[in-house]
N, C-alpha and C. Protein backbone atom coordinates (compact mmCIF):
# COMPACT_ATOMS: atom_id res chain seq x y z
N TYR A 1 -18.28 2.84 -18.31
CA TYR A 1 -18.40 3.24 -16.72
C TYR A 1 -19.97 2.74 -16.58
N ARG A 2 -20.21 2.38 -15.21
CA ARG A 2 -21.73 2.21 -14.67
C ARG A 2 -21.41 3.16 -13.66
N LYS A 3 -22.91 3.26 -13.32
CA LYS A 3 -23.34 4.41 -11.99
C LYS A 3 -24.26 4.02 -11.64
N ALA A 4 -24.41 4.10 -10.08
CA ALA A 4 -25.47 4.03 -9.39
C ALA A 4 -25.75 4.83 -8.28
N ALA A 5 -26.84 4.77 -7.65
CA ALA A 5 -27.04 5.82 -6.35
C ALA A 5 -27.86 4.77 -5.36
N ALA A 6 -27.45 5.29 -4.10
CA ALA A 6 -28.11 4.61 -3.01
C ALA A 6 -28.02 5.36 -1.79
N GLY A 7 -28.87 5.61 -0.94
CA GLY A 7 -28.97 6.75 0.17
C GLY A 7 -28.38 8.05 -0.09
N SER A 8 -27.16 8.38 0.47
CA SER A 8 -26.70 9.63 0.31
C SER A 8 -25.49 9.74 -0.76
N LEU A 9 -25.39 8.71 -1.52
CA LEU A 9 -24.11 8.62 -2.39
C LEU A 9 -24.53 8.23 -3.80
N LEU A 10 -23.88 8.98 -4.42
CA LEU A 10 -23.63 8.42 -6.11
C LEU A 10 -22.55 7.87 -6.50
N LEU A 11 -22.20 6.81 -6.93
CA LEU A 11 -20.98 6.24 -7.30
C LEU A 11 -20.68 5.92 -8.70
N PHE A 12 -19.69 6.24 -9.32
CA PHE A 12 -19.32 5.83 -10.70
C PHE A 12 -18.03 4.71 -10.49
N LEU A 13 -18.23 3.68 -11.46
CA LEU A 13 -17.33 2.68 -11.55
C LEU A 13 -16.82 2.40 -12.94
N ALA A 14 -15.67 2.51 -13.21
CA ALA A 14 -14.98 2.02 -14.29
C ALA A 14 -13.83 1.45 -14.31
N ARG A 15 -13.58 0.15 -15.45
CA ARG A 15 -12.25 -0.35 -15.40
C ARG A 15 -11.06 0.72 -15.73
N ASN A 16 -10.03 0.18 -15.27
CA ASN A 16 -8.85 0.95 -15.41
C ASN A 16 -7.54 0.16 -15.95
N ASP A 17 -6.73 0.61 -16.77
CA ASP A 17 -5.61 -0.47 -17.10
C ASP A 17 -4.39 -0.27 -15.98
N VAL A 18 -4.49 0.35 -15.01
CA VAL A 18 -3.27 0.41 -14.12
C VAL A 18 -3.21 -0.84 -13.29
N GLY A 19 -4.36 -1.42 -12.80
CA GLY A 19 -4.15 -2.71 -12.35
C GLY A 19 -4.49 -2.55 -10.69
N VAL A 20 -4.45 -1.22 -10.11
CA VAL A 20 -5.04 -0.66 -8.87
C VAL A 20 -6.23 -0.04 -8.72
N THR A 21 -6.75 -0.09 -7.75
CA THR A 21 -8.11 0.58 -7.39
C THR A 21 -7.85 2.05 -6.95
N ARG A 22 -8.31 3.06 -7.98
CA ARG A 22 -8.20 4.28 -7.43
C ARG A 22 -9.54 4.87 -6.91
N THR A 23 -9.44 5.94 -6.32
CA THR A 23 -10.55 6.61 -5.75
C THR A 23 -10.70 8.14 -5.98
N GLY A 24 -12.05 8.50 -6.12
CA GLY A 24 -11.93 10.15 -6.49
C GLY A 24 -13.21 10.61 -5.75
N LEU A 25 -13.26 12.10 -5.53
CA LEU A 25 -14.40 12.40 -4.83
C LEU A 25 -14.66 13.88 -5.58
N SER A 26 -15.92 13.94 -5.45
CA SER A 26 -16.44 15.33 -6.06
C SER A 26 -17.63 15.99 -5.29
N VAL A 27 -17.08 17.07 -4.42
CA VAL A 27 -18.04 17.51 -3.44
C VAL A 27 -18.55 19.09 -4.05
N SER A 28 -19.73 19.30 -4.20
CA SER A 28 -19.80 20.54 -4.83
C SER A 28 -20.28 21.45 -3.66
N ARG A 29 -20.29 22.99 -4.30
CA ARG A 29 -20.78 23.51 -3.10
C ARG A 29 -22.09 23.78 -2.64
N LYS A 30 -22.93 23.28 -3.34
CA LYS A 30 -24.13 23.06 -2.85
C LYS A 30 -24.36 22.45 -1.55
N HIS A 31 -23.05 21.72 -0.98
CA HIS A 31 -23.13 21.14 0.40
C HIS A 31 -22.86 21.92 1.63
N GLY A 32 -22.65 23.28 1.30
CA GLY A 32 -22.33 24.23 1.99
C GLY A 32 -20.66 24.97 1.67
N GLY A 33 -20.37 25.25 3.05
CA GLY A 33 -19.00 26.03 2.96
C GLY A 33 -17.90 25.09 2.88
N ALA A 34 -16.79 25.51 2.88
CA ALA A 34 -15.53 24.77 2.76
C ALA A 34 -15.29 23.77 3.96
N VAL A 35 -15.98 24.41 5.21
CA VAL A 35 -15.63 23.09 6.39
C VAL A 35 -16.85 21.92 6.28
N GLU A 36 -17.95 22.39 5.72
CA GLU A 36 -18.87 21.24 5.50
C GLU A 36 -18.42 20.14 4.53
N ARG A 37 -17.91 20.86 3.24
CA ARG A 37 -17.48 19.98 2.31
C ARG A 37 -16.33 19.36 2.66
N ASN A 38 -15.24 19.95 3.31
CA ASN A 38 -14.22 19.02 3.70
C ASN A 38 -14.42 17.80 4.88
N ARG A 39 -15.62 18.14 5.63
CA ARG A 39 -16.02 17.22 6.57
C ARG A 39 -16.43 15.89 5.65
N LEU A 40 -17.29 16.16 4.90
CA LEU A 40 -17.97 14.88 3.84
C LEU A 40 -16.86 14.39 3.16
N LYS A 41 -15.89 14.78 2.80
CA LYS A 41 -14.68 14.40 1.65
C LYS A 41 -13.69 13.89 2.91
N ARG A 42 -13.57 14.10 4.19
CA ARG A 42 -12.97 13.03 5.26
C ARG A 42 -13.49 12.10 5.47
N TRP A 43 -15.00 12.26 5.63
CA TRP A 43 -16.01 10.81 5.73
C TRP A 43 -15.82 9.69 4.52
N LEU A 44 -15.86 10.27 3.41
CA LEU A 44 -15.56 9.71 2.31
C LEU A 44 -14.53 8.81 2.04
N ARG A 45 -13.49 9.80 2.36
CA ARG A 45 -11.85 8.95 2.39
C ARG A 45 -12.03 7.77 3.31
N GLU A 46 -12.38 8.00 4.66
CA GLU A 46 -12.33 7.11 5.74
C GLU A 46 -13.33 5.87 5.51
N ALA A 47 -14.17 6.14 4.67
CA ALA A 47 -15.12 4.98 4.35
C ALA A 47 -14.68 4.28 3.35
N PHE A 48 -13.88 4.87 2.29
CA PHE A 48 -12.92 4.31 0.88
C PHE A 48 -12.12 3.36 1.80
N ARG A 49 -11.34 3.69 2.74
CA ARG A 49 -10.25 3.18 3.42
C ARG A 49 -10.60 2.19 3.96
N LEU A 50 -11.91 2.15 4.99
CA LEU A 50 -12.22 1.13 5.58
C LEU A 50 -12.94 -0.23 5.01
N GLU A 51 -13.41 0.16 3.87
CA GLU A 51 -14.27 -0.93 2.90
C GLU A 51 -13.46 -1.29 1.79
N ARG A 52 -12.13 -0.88 1.67
CA ARG A 52 -11.11 -1.18 0.37
C ARG A 52 -11.10 -2.76 -0.20
N GLU A 53 -11.32 -3.35 1.11
CA GLU A 53 -11.13 -5.10 0.97
C GLU A 53 -12.24 -5.19 0.14
N HIS A 54 -13.51 -4.60 -0.02
CA HIS A 54 -14.84 -5.22 -0.76
C HIS A 54 -14.53 -4.62 -2.09
N PHE A 55 -13.53 -3.88 -2.86
CA PHE A 55 -13.49 -3.48 -4.01
C PHE A 55 -12.86 -4.22 -5.05
N PRO A 56 -13.09 -4.33 -5.95
CA PRO A 56 -12.49 -5.15 -7.06
C PRO A 56 -10.99 -4.47 -7.36
N ILE A 57 -10.13 -5.20 -7.68
CA ILE A 57 -9.08 -4.70 -8.45
C ILE A 57 -9.08 -3.99 -9.62
N GLY A 58 -8.28 -3.14 -10.04
CA GLY A 58 -8.36 -2.40 -11.40
C GLY A 58 -9.32 -1.58 -12.12
N VAL A 59 -10.00 -0.73 -10.90
CA VAL A 59 -11.46 0.00 -11.15
C VAL A 59 -10.90 1.39 -10.58
N ASP A 60 -11.38 2.19 -11.21
CA ASP A 60 -11.86 3.75 -10.81
C ASP A 60 -12.99 3.82 -9.94
N LEU A 61 -12.82 4.61 -8.92
CA LEU A 61 -14.47 4.58 -8.27
C LEU A 61 -14.41 6.42 -8.08
N ILE A 62 -15.63 6.79 -8.43
CA ILE A 62 -15.81 8.21 -8.30
C ILE A 62 -17.02 8.35 -7.38
N ALA A 63 -17.16 9.04 -6.20
CA ALA A 63 -18.25 9.09 -5.32
C ALA A 63 -18.59 10.60 -5.35
N VAL A 64 -20.02 10.88 -5.18
CA VAL A 64 -20.50 12.28 -5.25
C VAL A 64 -21.64 12.19 -4.24
N PRO A 65 -21.36 13.15 -3.02
CA PRO A 65 -22.27 12.75 -1.96
C PRO A 65 -23.37 13.41 -2.55
N LEU A 66 -24.87 12.96 -2.23
CA LEU A 66 -25.91 13.66 -2.78
C LEU A 66 -26.87 14.34 -1.78
N ALA A 67 -26.89 14.02 -0.77
CA ALA A 67 -27.76 14.74 0.53
C ALA A 67 -26.95 14.66 1.79
N ALA A 68 -26.03 15.95 2.28
CA ALA A 68 -25.30 16.52 3.13
C ALA A 68 -26.19 15.90 4.55
N ASP A 69 -27.51 16.16 4.68
CA ASP A 69 -28.33 16.28 6.00
C ASP A 69 -28.20 14.60 6.32
N ARG A 70 -28.29 13.79 5.45
CA ARG A 70 -28.14 12.44 5.68
C ARG A 70 -26.59 11.56 5.80
N ALA A 71 -25.62 12.52 5.94
CA ALA A 71 -24.39 11.97 5.66
C ALA A 71 -23.75 11.56 6.97
N SER A 72 -22.97 10.60 6.80
CA SER A 72 -22.35 10.35 8.15
C SER A 72 -21.65 8.95 7.64
N LEU A 73 -20.21 8.83 8.72
CA LEU A 73 -19.24 7.82 8.28
C LEU A 73 -20.03 6.26 8.06
N ALA A 74 -21.26 6.13 8.83
CA ALA A 74 -21.73 4.83 8.66
C ALA A 74 -22.50 4.43 7.62
N ALA A 75 -23.20 5.60 7.20
CA ALA A 75 -24.23 5.77 5.92
C ALA A 75 -23.44 5.78 4.85
N TYR A 76 -22.41 6.39 4.59
CA TYR A 76 -21.01 6.23 3.48
C TYR A 76 -20.61 4.77 3.30
N ARG A 77 -20.31 4.22 4.62
CA ARG A 77 -19.79 2.84 4.39
C ARG A 77 -20.81 1.80 3.61
N GLN A 78 -21.89 1.94 4.34
CA GLN A 78 -22.98 1.21 4.24
C GLN A 78 -23.39 1.30 2.44
N SER A 79 -23.68 2.72 2.30
CA SER A 79 -23.71 2.93 0.71
C SER A 79 -22.57 2.28 -0.17
N LEU A 80 -21.28 2.65 0.26
CA LEU A 80 -20.35 1.92 -0.66
C LEU A 80 -20.14 0.48 -0.88
N ILE A 81 -20.67 -0.27 0.15
CA ILE A 81 -20.66 -1.51 0.11
C ILE A 81 -21.34 -2.16 -0.96
N GLY A 82 -22.88 -1.66 -0.83
CA GLY A 82 -24.10 -1.95 -1.55
C GLY A 82 -23.68 -1.64 -3.05
N LEU A 83 -23.34 -0.33 -3.28
CA LEU A 83 -23.09 0.07 -4.52
C LEU A 83 -21.95 -0.49 -5.28
N VAL A 84 -20.77 -0.91 -4.61
CA VAL A 84 -19.62 -1.47 -5.24
C VAL A 84 -20.18 -2.80 -5.85
N LYS A 85 -20.61 -3.48 -4.97
CA LYS A 85 -21.37 -4.98 -5.23
C LYS A 85 -22.05 -4.95 -6.56
N ARG A 86 -22.92 -3.96 -6.67
CA ARG A 86 -23.97 -3.98 -7.58
C ARG A 86 -23.47 -3.31 -9.03
N LEU A 87 -22.25 -2.39 -8.94
CA LEU A 87 -21.45 -1.97 -10.08
C LEU A 87 -20.69 -3.13 -10.22
N SER A 88 -20.10 -3.60 -9.84
CA SER A 88 -19.06 -4.50 -10.21
C SER A 88 -20.07 -5.61 -10.94
N ARG A 89 -20.89 -6.14 -10.33
CA ARG A 89 -21.88 -7.43 -11.12
C ARG A 89 -21.98 -6.75 -12.71
N ARG A 90 -22.77 -5.51 -12.47
CA ARG A 90 -23.07 -4.96 -13.74
C ARG A 90 -22.01 -4.62 -14.82
N LEU A 91 -20.83 -4.31 -14.05
CA LEU A 91 -19.64 -4.21 -14.97
C LEU A 91 -18.97 -5.73 -15.82
N GLU A 92 -19.02 -6.83 -14.73
CA GLU A 92 -18.87 -8.06 -15.31
C GLU A 92 -19.74 -8.39 -16.23
N GLN A 93 -20.94 -8.15 -16.05
CA GLN A 93 -21.96 -8.89 -17.03
C GLN A 93 -22.01 -8.27 -18.39
N SER A 94 -21.65 -6.95 -18.46
CA SER A 94 -21.52 -6.07 -19.69
C SER A 94 -20.09 -6.62 -20.47
N GLU A 95 -19.26 -7.07 -19.65
CA GLU A 95 -17.86 -7.42 -20.32
C GLU A 95 -17.81 -9.15 -20.82
N LYS A 96 -18.74 -9.54 -20.33
CA LYS A 96 -18.77 -11.29 -20.63
C LYS A 96 -19.06 -11.06 -22.45
N PRO A 97 -18.45 -11.99 -23.16
CA PRO A 97 -18.60 -12.11 -24.39
C PRO A 97 -20.16 -12.77 -24.22
N THR A 98 -20.60 -12.21 -25.56
CA THR A 98 -21.94 -12.90 -25.67
C THR A 98 -21.81 -13.89 -26.77
N GLU A 99 -22.63 -15.21 -26.73
CA GLU A 99 -22.64 -16.41 -27.54
C GLU A 99 -23.46 -16.03 -28.74
N PRO A 100 -22.93 -16.33 -29.98
CA PRO A 100 -24.12 -16.20 -31.04
C PRO A 100 -25.23 -16.86 -31.10
N ALA A 101 -26.17 -16.45 -31.35
CA ALA A 101 -27.56 -17.05 -31.67
C ALA A 101 -27.60 -18.19 -32.51
N PRO A 102 -27.72 -19.42 -32.18
CA PRO A 102 -27.89 -20.66 -33.31
C PRO A 102 -28.73 -20.43 -34.47
């Protein structure tokens, strides 16, 4: 798996053998009470839904919000796009077969 952070979001990306893109969320109590945590989860789920066309097929994405004070739907969407691109590139590079040295 690969992980990266940007803005108000930490994202983990890993290949899966299912052939579909799956998403998961982890919002800890440090973000406040249930009402605030549920608000963050709703924003994250909506950001995933709106940006799913940018996601590669056959990966698991796990999002962890970092700073609730900087959180918004727009911030999550922007972070998701950049992080998925960066992590997809890293994952592809690590999976390329290396050529033996001459």
